[in-house]
C-alpha atoms as a PDB file:
ATOM      1  CA  MET A   1       0.000   0.000   0.000  1.00  0.00           C
ATOM      2  CA  THR A   2       2.765   2.451   0.988  1.00  0.00           C
ATOM      3  CA  ALA A   3       4.710   1.848  -2.219  1.00  0.00           C
ATOM      4  CA  LEU A   4       1.630   2.221  -4.431  1.00  0.00           C
ATOM      5  CA  VAL A   5       0.612   5.505  -2.772  1.00  0.00           C
ATOM      6  CA  ALA A   6       4.178   6.785  -3.125  1.00  0.00           C
ATOM      7  CA  LEU A   7       4.257   5.797  -6.784  1.00  0.00           C
ATOM      8  CA  ALA A   8       0.943   7.472  -7.605  1.00  0.00           C
ATOM      9  CA  LEU A   9       1.623  10.684  -5.687  1.00  0.00           C
ATOM     10  CA  GLU A  10       5.164  11.201  -6.972  1.00  0.00           C
ATOM     11  CA  GLY A  11       4.027  10.499 -10.516  1.00  0.00           C
ATOM     12  CA  ALA A  12       1.253  13.063 -10.204  1.00  0.00           C
ATOM     13  CA  VAL A  13       3.042  15.989  -8.560  1.00  0.00           C
ATOM     14  CA  GLY A  14       6.671  15.017  -8.002  1.00  0.00           C
ATOM     15  CA  TRP A  15       8.500  17.052  -5.368  1.00  0.00           C
ATOM     16  CA  PRO A  16       7.165  20.591  -5.982  1.00  0.00           C
ATOM     17  CA  ALA A  17       9.772  23.305  -6.541  1.00  0.00           C
ATOM     18  CA  PRO A  18       8.337  25.611  -3.827  1.00  0.00           C
ATOM     19  CA  LEU A  19       8.613  22.759  -1.314  1.00  0.00           C
ATOM     20  CA  TYR A  20      12.201  22.107  -2.374  1.00  0.00           C
ATOM     21  CA  ALA A  21      13.039  25.799  -2.030  1.00  0.00           C
ATOM     22  CA  ALA A  22      11.477  25.901   1.428  1.00  0.00           C
ATOM     23  CA  ILE A  23      12.836  22.739   3.042  1.00  0.00           C
ATOM     24  CA  GLY A  24      15.050  20.962   0.521  1.00  0.00           C
ATOM     25  CA  HIS A  25      14.567  17.238  -0.123  1.00  0.00           C
ATOM     26  CA  PRO A  26      15.247  14.102   1.956  1.00  0.00           C
ATOM     27  CA  VAL A  27      18.144  13.249  -0.360  1.00  0.00           C
ATOM     28  CA  THR A  28      19.737  16.648   0.289  1.00  0.00           C
ATOM     29  CA  TRP A  29      19.300  16.113   4.042  1.00  0.00           C
ATOM     30  CA  ILE A  30      20.963  12.709   3.791  1.00  0.00           C
ATOM     31  CA  GLY A  31      23.660  14.236   1.615  1.00  0.00           C
ATOM     32  CA  ARG A  32      24.497  16.841   4.241  1.00  0.00           C
ATOM     33  CA  LEU A  33      24.795  14.090   6.854  1.00  0.00           C
ATOM     34  CA  ILE A  34      27.155  12.077   4.653  1.00  0.00           C
ATOM     35  CA  GLY A  35      29.141  15.197   3.795  1.00  0.00           C
ATOM     36  CA  GLY A  36      29.649  15.925   7.487  1.00  0.00           C
ATOM     37  CA  PHE A  37      31.047  12.453   8.142  1.00  0.00           C
ATOM     38  CA  ASP A  38      33.249  12.775   5.046  1.00  0.00           C
ATOM     39  CA  ARG A  39      34.761  16.036   6.293  1.00  0.00           C
ATOM     40  CA  VAL A  40      35.393  14.753   9.814  1.00  0.00           C
ATOM     41  CA  LEU A  41      36.413  11.119   9.321  1.00  0.00           C
ATOM     42  CA  ASN A  42      38.011  11.044   5.858  1.00  0.00           C
ATOM     43  CA  ARG A  43      41.315  12.543   7.006  1.00  0.00           C
ATOM     44  CA  ASP A  44      44.298  13.123   4.729  1.00  0.00           C
ATOM     45  CA  ASP A  45      46.691  11.751   7.364  1.00  0.00           C
ATOM     46  CA  PHE A  46      44.865   8.393   7.486  1.00  0.00           C
ATOM     47  CA  GLY A  47      46.239   5.502   5.474  1.00  0.00           C
ATOM     48  CA  ALA A  48      44.016   3.299   3.315  1.00  0.00           C
ATOM     49  CA  PRO A  49      43.094   0.803   6.111  1.00  0.00           C
ATOM     50  CA  LEU A  50      42.017   3.573   8.481  1.00  0.00           C
ATOM     51  CA  ARG A  51      40.104   5.344   5.716  1.00  0.00           C
ATOM     52  CA  ARG A  52      38.283   2.122   4.857  1.00  0.00           C
ATOM     53  CA  ALA A  53      37.387   1.574   8.513  1.00  0.00           C
ATOM     54  CA  ALA A  54      36.188   5.181   8.782  1.00  0.00           C
ATOM     55  CA  GLY A  55      34.040   4.623   5.693  1.00  0.00           C
ATOM     56  CA  VAL A  56      32.448   1.553   7.292  1.00  0.00           C
ATOM     57  CA  VAL A  57      31.685   3.565  10.438  1.00  0.00           C
ATOM     58  CA  THR A  58      30.216   6.348   8.279  1.00  0.00           C
ATOM     59  CA  LEU A  59      27.910   3.995   6.390  1.00  0.00           C
ATOM     60  CA  ILE A  60      26.693   2.271   9.571  1.00  0.00           C
ATOM     61  CA  ALA A  61      26.060   5.605  11.273  1.00  0.00           C
ATOM     62  CA  VAL A  62      24.202   7.086   8.299  1.00  0.00           C
ATOM     63  CA  LEU A  63      22.010   3.996   7.955  1.00  0.00           C
ATOM     64  CA  ALA A  64      21.304   3.897  11.694  1.00  0.00           C
ATOM     65  CA  ILE A  65      20.339   7.567  11.853  1.00  0.00           C
ATOM     66  CA  THR A  66      18.180   7.675   8.737  1.00  0.00           C
ATOM     67  CA  GLY A  67      16.593   4.281   9.320  1.00  0.00           C
ATOM     68  CA  GLY A  68      15.841   5.154  12.932  1.00  0.00           C
ATOM     69  CA  ILE A  69      14.144   8.411  11.970  1.00  0.00           C
ATOM     70  CA  ALA A  70      12.075   6.663   9.285  1.00  0.00           C
ATOM     71  CA  TRP A  71      11.043   3.904  11.702  1.00  0.00           C
ATOM     72  CA  GLY A  72      10.052   6.491  14.296  1.00  0.00           C
ATOM     73  CA  LEU A  73       7.979   8.441  11.775  1.00  0.00           C
ATOM     74  CA  GLN A  74       6.155   5.358  10.497  1.00  0.00           C
ATOM     75  CA  SER A  75       5.531   3.955  13.973  1.00  0.00           C
ATOM     76  CA  GLY A  76       4.314   7.289  15.264  1.00  0.00           C
ATOM     77  CA  LEU A  77       1.945   7.908  12.383  1.00  0.00           C
ATOM     78  CA  GLU A  78       0.487   4.403  12.543  1.00  0.00           C
ATOM     79  CA  ALA A  79      -0.053   4.763  16.293  1.00  0.00           C
ATOM     80  CA  LEU A  80      -1.658   8.205  16.022  1.00  0.00           C
ATOM     81  CA  VAL A  81      -3.708   7.474  12.903  1.00  0.00           C
ATOM     82  CA  PRO A  82      -4.465   3.726  12.753  1.00  0.00           C
ATOM     83  CA  GLY A  83      -5.851   1.922   9.744  1.00  0.00           C
ATOM     84  CA  PHE A  84      -6.029   3.056   6.141  1.00  0.00           C
ATOM     85  CA  ALA A  85      -5.489   6.743   6.938  1.00  0.00           C
ATOM     86  CA  GLY A  86      -2.200   5.981   8.674  1.00  0.00           C
ATOM     87  CA  LEU A  87      -0.989   3.910   5.736  1.00  0.00           C
ATOM     88  CA  LEU A  88      -1.939   6.760   3.433  1.00  0.00           C
ATOM     89  CA  LEU A  89       0.093   9.254   5.461  1.00  0.00           C
ATOM     90  CA  VAL A  90       3.134   6.955   5.440  1.00  0.00           C
ATOM     91  CA  GLY A  91       2.721   6.620   1.673  1.00  0.00           C
ATOM     92  CA  ILE A  92       2.735  10.406   1.331  1.00  0.00           C
ATOM     93  CA  LEU A  93       6.075  10.536   3.172  1.00  0.00           C
ATOM     94  CA  ALA A  94       7.413   7.721   0.965  1.00  0.00           C
ATOM     95  CA  ALA A  95       6.502   9.720  -2.166  1.00  0.00           C
ATOM     96  CA  SER A  96       9.758  11.624  -1.661  1.00  0.00           C
ATOM     97  CA  LEU A  97      11.776   8.467  -2.413  1.00  0.00           C
ATOM     98  CA  PRO A  98      11.161   7.637  -6.126  1.00  0.00           C
ATOM     99  CA  ALA A  99      12.059  10.104  -8.883  1.00  0.00           C
ATOM    100  CA  GLN A 100       9.998   9.028 -11.888  1.00  0.00           C
ATOM    101  CA  ARG A 101       8.696  12.510 -12.717  1.00  0.00           C
ATOM    102  CA  SER A 102      12.014  14.365 -12.437  1.00  0.00           C
ATOM    103  CA  LEU A 103      13.826  11.674 -14.441  1.00  0.00           C
ATOM    104  CA  ASP A 104      11.319  12.064 -17.269  1.00  0.00           C
ATOM    105  CA  THR A 105      11.736  15.861 -17.148  1.00  0.00           C
ATOM    106  CA  HIS A 106      15.542  15.799 -17.287  1.00  0.00           C
ATOM    107  CA  VAL A 107      15.793  13.233 -20.082  1.00  0.00           C
ATOM    108  CA  ARG A 108      13.079  14.934 -22.122  1.00  0.00           C
ATOM    109  CA  ALA A 109      15.066  18.175 -21.769  1.00  0.00           C
ATOM    110  CA  VAL A 110      18.033  16.465 -23.433  1.00  0.00           C
ATOM    111  CA  ALA A 111      15.893  15.355 -26.371  1.00  0.00           C
ATOM    112  CA  GLU A 112      14.447  18.849 -26.801  1.00  0.00           C
ATOM    113  CA  ALA A 113      17.871  20.497 -26.566  1.00  0.00           C
ATOM    114  CA  LEU A 114      19.494  18.047 -28.978  1.00  0.00           C
ATOM    115  CA  GLU A 115      16.729  18.719 -31.492  1.00  0.00           C
ATOM    116  CA  ARG A 116      17.819  22.382 -31.445  1.00  0.00           C
ATOM    117  CA  ASP A 117      21.588  21.893 -31.745  1.00  0.00           C
ATOM    118  CA  LEU A 118      24.493  19.859 -30.393  1.00  0.00           C
ATOM    119  CA  PRO A 119      25.845  22.444 -27.893  1.00  0.00           C
ATOM    120  CA  ALA A 120      22.409  22.685 -26.273  1.00  0.00           C
ATOM    121  CA  GLY A 121      22.228  18.906 -26.094  1.00  0.00           C
ATOM    122  CA  ARG A 122      25.645  18.758 -24.441  1.00  0.00           C
ATOM    123  CA  ARG A 123      24.605  21.303 -21.821  1.00  0.00           C
ATOM    124  CA  ALA A 124      21.396  19.431 -21.061  1.00  0.00           C
ATOM    125  CA  VAL A 125      23.033  16.017 -20.760  1.00  0.00           C
ATOM    126  CA  SER A 126      25.743  17.404 -18.458  1.00  0.00           C
ATOM    127  CA  MET A 127      22.986  17.796 -15.856  1.00  0.00           C
ATOM    128  CA  ILE A 128      22.398  14.039 -15.612  1.00  0.00           C
ATOM    129  CA  VAL A 129      25.723  12.308 -16.423  1.00  0.00           C
ATOM    130  CA  GLY A 130      29.279  12.566 -15.145  1.00  0.00           C
ATOM    131  CA  ARG A 131      31.161  12.154 -18.398  1.00  0.00           C
ATOM    132  CA  ASP A 132      32.759  15.054 -20.301  1.00  0.00           C
ATOM    133  CA  PRO A 133      29.993  16.466 -22.545  1.00  0.00           C
ATOM    134  CA  SER A 134      32.467  18.398 -24.741  1.00  0.00           C
ATOM    135  CA  ARG A 135      33.711  15.066 -26.099  1.00  0.00           C
ATOM    136  CA  LEU A 136      30.241  13.851 -27.094  1.00  0.00           C
ATOM    137  CA  ASP A 137      28.837  14.007 -30.610  1.00  0.00           C
ATOM    138  CA  GLU A 138      25.097  13.775 -31.303  1.00  0.00           C
ATOM    139  CA  ALA A 139      25.100   9.998 -30.917  1.00  0.00           C
ATOM    140  CA  GLY A 140      27.095  10.273 -27.696  1.00  0.00           C
ATOM    141  CA  VAL A 141      24.676  12.766 -26.159  1.00  0.00           C
ATOM    142  CA  ALA A 142      21.674  10.616 -27.079  1.00  0.00           C
ATOM    143  CA  ARG A 143      23.380   7.469 -25.823  1.00  0.00           C
ATOM    144  CA  ALA A 144      24.314   9.100 -22.503  1.00  0.00           C
ATOM    145  CA  ALA A 145      20.741  10.274 -21.973  1.00  0.00           C
ATOM    146  CA  ILE A 146      19.251   6.842 -22.702  1.00  0.00           C
ATOM    147  CA  GLU A 147      21.801   5.078 -20.484  1.00  0.00           C
ATOM    148  CA  SER A 148      21.002   7.493 -17.658  1.00  0.00           C
ATOM    149  CA  LEU A 149      17.285   6.861 -18.178  1.00  0.00           C
ATOM    150  CA  ALA A 150      17.748   3.079 -18.006  1.00  0.00           C
ATOM    151  CA  GLU A 151      20.075   3.088 -14.996  1.00  0.00           C
ATOM    152  CA  ASN A 152      18.073   5.638 -13.026  1.00  0.00           C
ATOM    153  CA  PHE A 153      14.847   3.790 -13.765  1.00  0.00           C
ATOM    154  CA  SER A 154      16.406   0.957 -11.780  1.00  0.00           C
ATOM    155  CA  ASP A 155      18.130   2.727  -8.892  1.00  0.00           C
ATOM    156  CA  GLY A 156      16.002   5.880  -8.756  1.00  0.00           C
ATOM    157  CA  ILE A 157      12.540   4.347  -9.082  1.00  0.00           C
ATOM    158  CA  VAL A 158      12.331   0.553  -8.998  1.00  0.00           C
ATOM    159  CA  ALA A 159      14.788   0.114  -6.123  1.00  0.00           C
ATOM    160  CA  PRO A 160      13.263   2.575  -3.616  1.00  0.00           C
ATOM    161  CA  LEU A 161       9.790   1.221  -4.379  1.00  0.00           C
ATOM    162  CA  PHE A 162      10.990  -2.376  -4.032  1.00  0.00           C
ATOM    163  CA  TRP A 163      12.513  -1.708  -0.617  1.00  0.00           C
ATOM    164  CA  THR A 164       9.503   0.360   0.466  1.00  0.00           C
ATOM    165  CA  ALA A 165       7.196  -2.501  -0.490  1.00  0.00           C
ATOM    166  CA  ALA A 166       9.457  -4.954   1.339  1.00  0.00           C
ATOM    167  CA  ALA A 167      10.055  -2.980   4.549  1.00  0.00           C
ATOM    168  CA  GLY A 168       7.845   0.107   4.561  1.00  0.00           C
ATOM    169  CA  LEU A 169       9.171   3.640   4.913  1.00  0.00           C
ATOM    170  CA  PRO A 170      12.329   2.504   6.781  1.00  0.00           C
ATOM    171  CA  GLY A 171      13.217   0.146   3.926  1.00  0.00           C
ATOM    172  CA  GLY A 172      12.852   2.860   1.305  1.00  0.00           C
ATOM    173  CA  VAL A 173      14.794   5.405   3.357  1.00  0.00           C
ATOM    174  CA  LEU A 174      17.594   2.953   4.130  1.00  0.00           C
ATOM    175  CA  TYR A 175      17.914   2.218   0.423  1.00  0.00           C
ATOM    176  CA  LYS A 176      17.991   5.933  -0.422  1.00  0.00           C
ATOM    177  CA  ALA A 177      20.679   6.543   2.203  1.00  0.00           C
ATOM    178  CA  ALA A 178      22.855   3.734   0.830  1.00  0.00           C
ATOM    179  CA  ASN A 179      22.392   4.933  -2.743  1.00  0.00           C
ATOM    180  CA  THR A 180      23.156   8.544  -1.830  1.00  0.00           C
ATOM    181  CA  ALA A 181      26.291   7.460   0.026  1.00  0.00           C
ATOM    182  CA  ASP A 182      27.488   5.622  -3.063  1.00  0.00           C
ATOM    183  CA  SER A 183      26.826   8.628  -5.307  1.00  0.00           C
ATOM    184  CA  MET A 184      28.755  10.922  -2.956  1.00  0.00           C
ATOM    185  CA  ILE A 185      31.693   8.854  -1.715  1.00  0.00           C
ATOM    186  CA  GLY A 186      31.632   5.557  -3.626  1.00  0.00           C
ATOM    187  CA  HIS A 187      34.124   6.725  -6.266  1.00  0.00           C
ATOM    188  CA  ARG A 188      37.529   5.374  -7.260  1.00  0.00           C
ATOM    189  CA  THR A 189      39.339   8.628  -6.598  1.00  0.00           C
ATOM    190  CA  PRO A 190      42.365   9.174  -4.346  1.00  0.00           C
ATOM    191  CA  ARG A 191      40.138  10.696  -1.667  1.00  0.00           C
ATOM    192  CA  HIS A 192      37.286   8.185  -1.747  1.00  0.00           C
ATOM    193  CA  GLU A 193      38.586   4.859  -3.070  1.00  0.00           C
ATOM    194  CA  ALA A 194      39.188   3.485   0.446  1.00  0.00           C
ATOM    195  CA  PHE A 195      36.720   5.647   2.393  1.00  0.00           C
ATOM    196  CA  GLY A 196      33.873   4.900  -0.030  1.00  0.00           C
ATOM    197  CA  TRP A 197      34.557   1.175  -0.370  1.00  0.00           C
ATOM    198  CA  ALA A 198      31.756   0.135   2.010  1.00  0.00           C
ATOM    199  CA  ALA A 199      29.256   2.524   0.411  1.00  0.00           C
ATOM    200  CA  ALA A 200      30.004   1.202  -3.089  1.00  0.00           C
ATOM    201  CA  ARG A 201      29.741  -2.454  -2.052  1.00  0.00           C
ATOM    202  CA  CYS A 202      26.513  -1.826  -0.120  1.00  0.00           C
ATOM    203  CA  ASP A 203      24.968  -0.042  -3.101  1.00  0.00           C
ATOM    204  CA  ASP A 204      25.858  -2.939  -5.401  1.00  0.00           C
ATOM    205  CA  LEU A 205      24.135  -5.338  -3.025  1.00  0.00           C
ATOM    206  CA  VAL A 206      20.915  -3.404  -2.395  1.00  0.00           C
ATOM    207  CA  ASN A 207      20.467  -2.640  -6.106  1.00  0.00           C
ATOM    208  CA  LEU A 208      20.793  -6.263  -7.192  1.00  0.00           C
ATOM    209  CA  PRO A 209      17.086  -7.253  -6.972  1.00  0.00           C
ATOM    210  CA  ALA A 210      15.815  -3.987  -8.487  1.00  0.00           C
ATOM    211  CA  SER A 211      18.158  -4.148 -11.463  1.00  0.00           C
ATOM    212  CA  ARG A 212      16.739  -7.530 -12.455  1.00  0.00           C
ATOM    213  CA  LEU A 213      13.197  -6.367 -11.772  1.00  0.00           C
ATOM    214  CA  SER A 214      13.669  -3.205 -13.848  1.00  0.00           C
ATOM    215  CA  ALA A 215      14.847  -5.336 -16.768  1.00  0.00           C
ATOM    216  CA  LEU A 216      11.675  -7.429 -16.433  1.00  0.00           C
ATOM    217  CA  TRP A 217       9.484  -4.302 -16.439  1.00  0.00           C
ATOM    218  CA  LEU A 218      11.254  -3.057 -19.597  1.00  0.00           C
ATOM    219  CA  VAL A 219      10.812  -6.419 -21.331  1.00  0.00           C
ATOM    220  CA  LEU A 220       7.094  -6.432 -20.489  1.00  0.00           C
ATOM    221  CA  ALA A 221       6.825  -2.786 -21.550  1.00  0.00           C
ATOM    222  CA  ALA A 222       8.342  -3.696 -24.912  1.00  0.00           C
ATOM    223  CA  THR A 223       5.338  -5.921 -25.608  1.00  0.00           C
ATOM    224  CA  ILE A 224       3.007  -2.881 -25.505  1.00  0.00           C
ATOM    225  CA  THR A 225       5.308  -0.195 -26.949  1.00  0.00           C
ATOM    226  CA  PRO A 226       5.139   0.396 -30.722  1.00  0.00           C
ATOM    227  CA  GLY A 227       8.496  -0.229 -32.380  1.00  0.00           C
ATOM    228  CA  ALA A 228       9.940  -2.138 -29.409  1.00  0.00           C
ATOM    229  CA  ASP A 229      10.751  -5.844 -29.348  1.00  0.00           C
ATOM    230  CA  ALA A 230      10.664  -7.915 -26.158  1.00  0.00           C
ATOM    231  CA  ARG A 231      12.493 -10.843 -27.760  1.00  0.00           C
ATOM    232  CA  THR A 232      15.561  -8.816 -28.682  1.00  0.00           C
ATOM    233  CA  ALA A 233      15.461  -7.241 -25.211  1.00  0.00           C
ATOM    234  CA  ILE A 234      15.660 -10.694 -23.625  1.00  0.00           C
ATOM    235  CA  ALA A 235      18.463 -11.685 -25.998  1.00  0.00           C
ATOM    236  CA  ALA A 236      20.464  -8.575 -25.135  1.00  0.00           C
ATOM    237  CA  ILE A 237      20.047  -9.190 -21.398  1.00  0.00           C
ATOM    238  CA  ARG A 238      21.258 -12.757 -21.703  1.00  0.00           C
ATOM    239  CA  ARG A 239      24.204 -11.840 -23.914  1.00  0.00           C
ATOM    240  CA  ASP A 240      25.377  -8.488 -22.564  1.00  0.00           C
ATOM    241  CA  ALA A 241      24.147  -7.669 -19.034  1.00  0.00           C
ATOM    242  CA  GLY A 242      26.922  -9.604 -17.314  1.00  0.00           C
ATOM    243  CA  SER A 243      29.611  -7.829 -19.353  1.00  0.00           C
ATOM    244  CA  HIS A 244      28.786  -4.362 -18.021  1.00  0.00           C
ATOM    245  CA  ARG A 245      31.321  -2.662 -15.719  1.00  0.00           C
ATOM    246  CA  SER A 246      28.551  -2.501 -13.095  1.00  0.00           C
ATOM    247  CA  PRO A 247      26.990  -5.666 -11.643  1.00  0.00           C
ATOM    248  CA  ASN A 248      23.564  -4.015 -11.893  1.00  0.00           C
ATOM    249  CA  ALA A 249      23.422  -1.275 -14.542  1.00  0.00           C
ATOM    250  CA  GLY A 250      23.872  -3.732 -17.403  1.00  0.00           C
ATOM    251  CA  TRP A 251      20.439  -5.276 -16.818  1.00  0.00           C
ATOM    252  CA  PRO A 252      18.221  -2.260 -17.547  1.00  0.00           C
ATOM    253  CA  GLU A 253      20.655  -0.870 -20.127  1.00  0.00           C
ATOM    254  CA  ALA A 254      20.774  -4.152 -22.052  1.00  0.00           C
ATOM    255  CA  ALA A 255      16.987  -4.482 -21.829  1.00  0.00           C
ATOM    256  CA  MET A 256      16.428  -0.981 -23.195  1.00  0.00           C
ATOM    257  CA  ALA A 257      19.082  -1.337 -25.896  1.00  0.00           C
ATOM    258  CA  GLY A 258      17.715  -4.660 -27.095  1.00  0.00           C
ATOM    259  CA  ALA A 259      14.088  -3.538 -27.003  1.00  0.00           C
ATOM    260  CA  LEU A 260      14.816  -0.449 -29.121  1.00  0.00           C
ATOM    261  CA  GLY A 261      17.372  -2.018 -31.491  1.00  0.00           C
ATOM    262  CA  LEU A 262      20.223   0.197 -30.229  1.00  0.00           C
ATOM    263  CA  ALA A 263      23.741  -0.183 -28.846  1.00  0.00           C
ATOM    264  CA  LEU A 264      24.410   1.468 -25.483  1.00  0.00           C
ATOM    265  CA  ALA A 265      27.387   1.784 -23.111  1.00  0.00           C
ATOM    266  CA  GLY A 266      30.703   0.963 -24.838  1.00  0.00           C
ATOM    267  CA  PRO A 267      33.810   3.148 -24.346  1.00  0.00           C
ATOM    268  CA  ARG A 268      33.357   6.509 -22.628  1.00  0.00           C
ATOM    269  CA  VAL A 269      35.396   9.443 -21.294  1.00  0.00           C
ATOM    270  CA  TYR A 270      35.473  10.438 -17.614  1.00  0.00           C
ATOM    271  CA  GLU A 271      37.651  13.319 -16.391  1.00  0.00           C
ATOM    272  CA  GLY A 272      39.701  13.225 -19.565  1.00  0.00           C
ATOM    273  CA  GLU A 273      40.408   9.481 -19.444  1.00  0.00           C
ATOM    274  CA  VAL A 274      38.975   6.915 -21.865  1.00  0.00           C
ATOM    275  CA  TYR A 275      37.457   3.836 -20.222  1.00  0.00           C
ATOM    276  CA  ASP A 276      36.722   0.701 -22.203  1.00  0.00           C
ATOM    277  CA  GLY A 277      33.289  -0.770 -21.777  1.00  0.00           C
ATOM    278  CA  ALA A 278      31.254  -3.565 -23.311  1.00  0.00           C
ATOM    279  CA  TRP A 279      28.387  -2.671 -25.634  1.00  0.00           C
ATOM    280  CA  MET A 280      24.859  -3.381 -24.458  1.00  0.00           C
ATOM    281  CA  GLY A 281      22.784  -4.474 -27.447  1.00  0.00           C
ATOM    282  CA  ASP A 282      23.991  -5.008 -31.000  1.00  0.00           C
ATOM    283  CA  GLY A 283      21.808  -2.448 -32.790  1.00  0.00           C
ATOM    284  CA  ARG A 284      22.460   1.035 -34.197  1.00  0.00           C
ATOM    285  CA  ARG A 285      25.212   3.162 -32.692  1.00  0.00           C
ATOM    286  CA  ASP A 286      24.383   6.354 -34.621  1.00  0.00           C
ATOM    287  CA  LEU A 287      21.728   7.524 -32.149  1.00  0.00           C
ATOM    288  CA  VAL A 288      19.721  10.743 -32.550  1.00  0.00           C
ATOM    289  CA  ALA A 289      17.267  12.784 -30.476  1.00  0.00           C
ATOM    290  CA  ALA A 290      14.349  10.713 -31.764  1.00  0.00           C
ATOM    291  CA  ASP A 291      15.879   7.659 -30.095  1.00  0.00           C
ATOM    292  CA  VAL A 292      15.806   9.479 -26.745  1.00  0.00           C
ATOM    293  CA  ARG A 293      12.096  10.067 -27.239  1.00  0.00           C
ATOM    294  CA  ARG A 294      11.597   6.394 -28.134  1.00  0.00           C
ATOM    295  CA  ALA A 295      13.400   5.437 -24.929  1.00  0.00           C
ATOM    296  CA  LEU A 296      11.124   7.749 -22.953  1.00  0.00           C
ATOM    297  CA  GLY A 297       8.113   6.003 -24.478  1.00  0.00           C
ATOM    298  CA  LEU A 298       9.445   2.630 -23.352  1.00  0.00           C
ATOM    299  CA  TYR A 299      10.234   4.050 -19.906  1.00  0.00           C
ATOM    300  CA  ARG A 300       6.702   5.396 -19.475  1.00  0.00           C
ATOM    301  CA  ALA A 301       5.262   2.034 -20.507  1.00  0.00           C
ATOM    302  CA  ALA A 302       7.539   0.340 -17.937  1.00  0.00           C
ATOM    303  CA  LEU A 303       6.215   2.700 -15.246  1.00  0.00           C
ATOM    304  CA  ALA A 304       2.677   1.639 -16.192  1.00  0.00           C
ATOM    305  CA  VAL A 305       3.666  -2.034 -16.023  1.00  0.00           C
ATOM    306  CA  GLN A 306       5.216  -1.497 -12.594  1.00  0.00           C
ATOM    307  CA  ALA A 307       2.170   0.350 -11.253  1.00  0.00           C
ATOM    308  CA  THR A 308      -0.130  -2.392 -12.552  1.00  0.00           C
ATOM    309  CA  ALA A 309       2.009  -5.065 -10.914  1.00  0.00           C
ATOM    310  CA  PHE A 310       1.915  -3.261  -7.547  1.00  0.00           C
ATOM    311  CA  ALA A 311      -1.873  -2.828  -7.801  1.00  0.00           C
ATOM    312  CA  VAL A 312      -2.398  -6.502  -8.649  1.00  0.00           C
ATOM    313  CA  LEU A 313      -0.208  -7.585  -5.711  1.00  0.00           C
ATOM    314  CA  LEU A 314      -2.094  -5.254  -3.378  1.00  0.00           C
ATOM    315  CA  VAL A 315      -5.440  -6.699  -4.429  1.00  0.00           C
ATOM    316  CA  ALA A 316      -4.099 -10.244  -4.139  1.00  0.00           C
ATOM    317  CA  PHE A 317      -2.856  -9.662  -0.591  1.00  0.00           C
ATOM    318  CA  ALA A 318      -6.139  -8.004   0.344  1.00  0.00           C
ATOM    319  CA  LEU A 319      -8.065 -11.058  -0.819  1.00  0.00           C
ATOM    320  CA  VAL A 320      -5.895 -13.557   1.052  1.00  0.00           C
END
């Protein structure tokens, strides 16, 4: 119930800009907490073993604090407002966890900008990816946007809803804290390679079920999306998902690439360095803005599939 309410509310209104301006967002609150631990515990005079230990302490502390607050909020609301109304209120709080509306907005902005000209497309895609946009041609901008759409569908939408459905508001918040920690400190840089080790490993683990589930939603969505093919999506998952540099991102990326007849991932440039990467899908590599819009169509169909699945499960549990 909580996950379905969160899904419906976030899809309808998102996180309104006036609310963000007034109080920020739970992810920004978690980010400030992680940033504080990073400043205090990630000391330059620590060697790698001490930095790794400090990173473990940071992750445990962040999860304990955020999970404890979420548990307190859910328990308090359910005690004060029992029954359906209490579940509804918890669902409203959980609506801050998925990001289906903002993801659609940001990726659509890339398509619209790329349809105007390449520099505009580069500026728009720089808002959602970490690679150097000045090195991207039209196909590179479109590919980056579609990859971001596929990966964030998994870890920005499916994963928080999965953990919310499994463990209520605390489950969703704990997932969001782990994912935010990975995005902030889980990098292979001199400062964070040791300190962020625990955050990166935890994020890999908690995203494992959602990455597979997101691929399933995309395959099912391909059966109802004009121009998409579920069979080639399944073939791409089987062939390519395990070759991705990430243990999780390859699943939704391969599913989307195969469904749309495209090739995603491959080599890319980060901070001036070229990194080799396996291709997801064996389709066209000369992507254009229209392919971004096709990917958005598949994404929206996958959201509908996911919502239907949650509704069916809710009804089934209610009837048991």
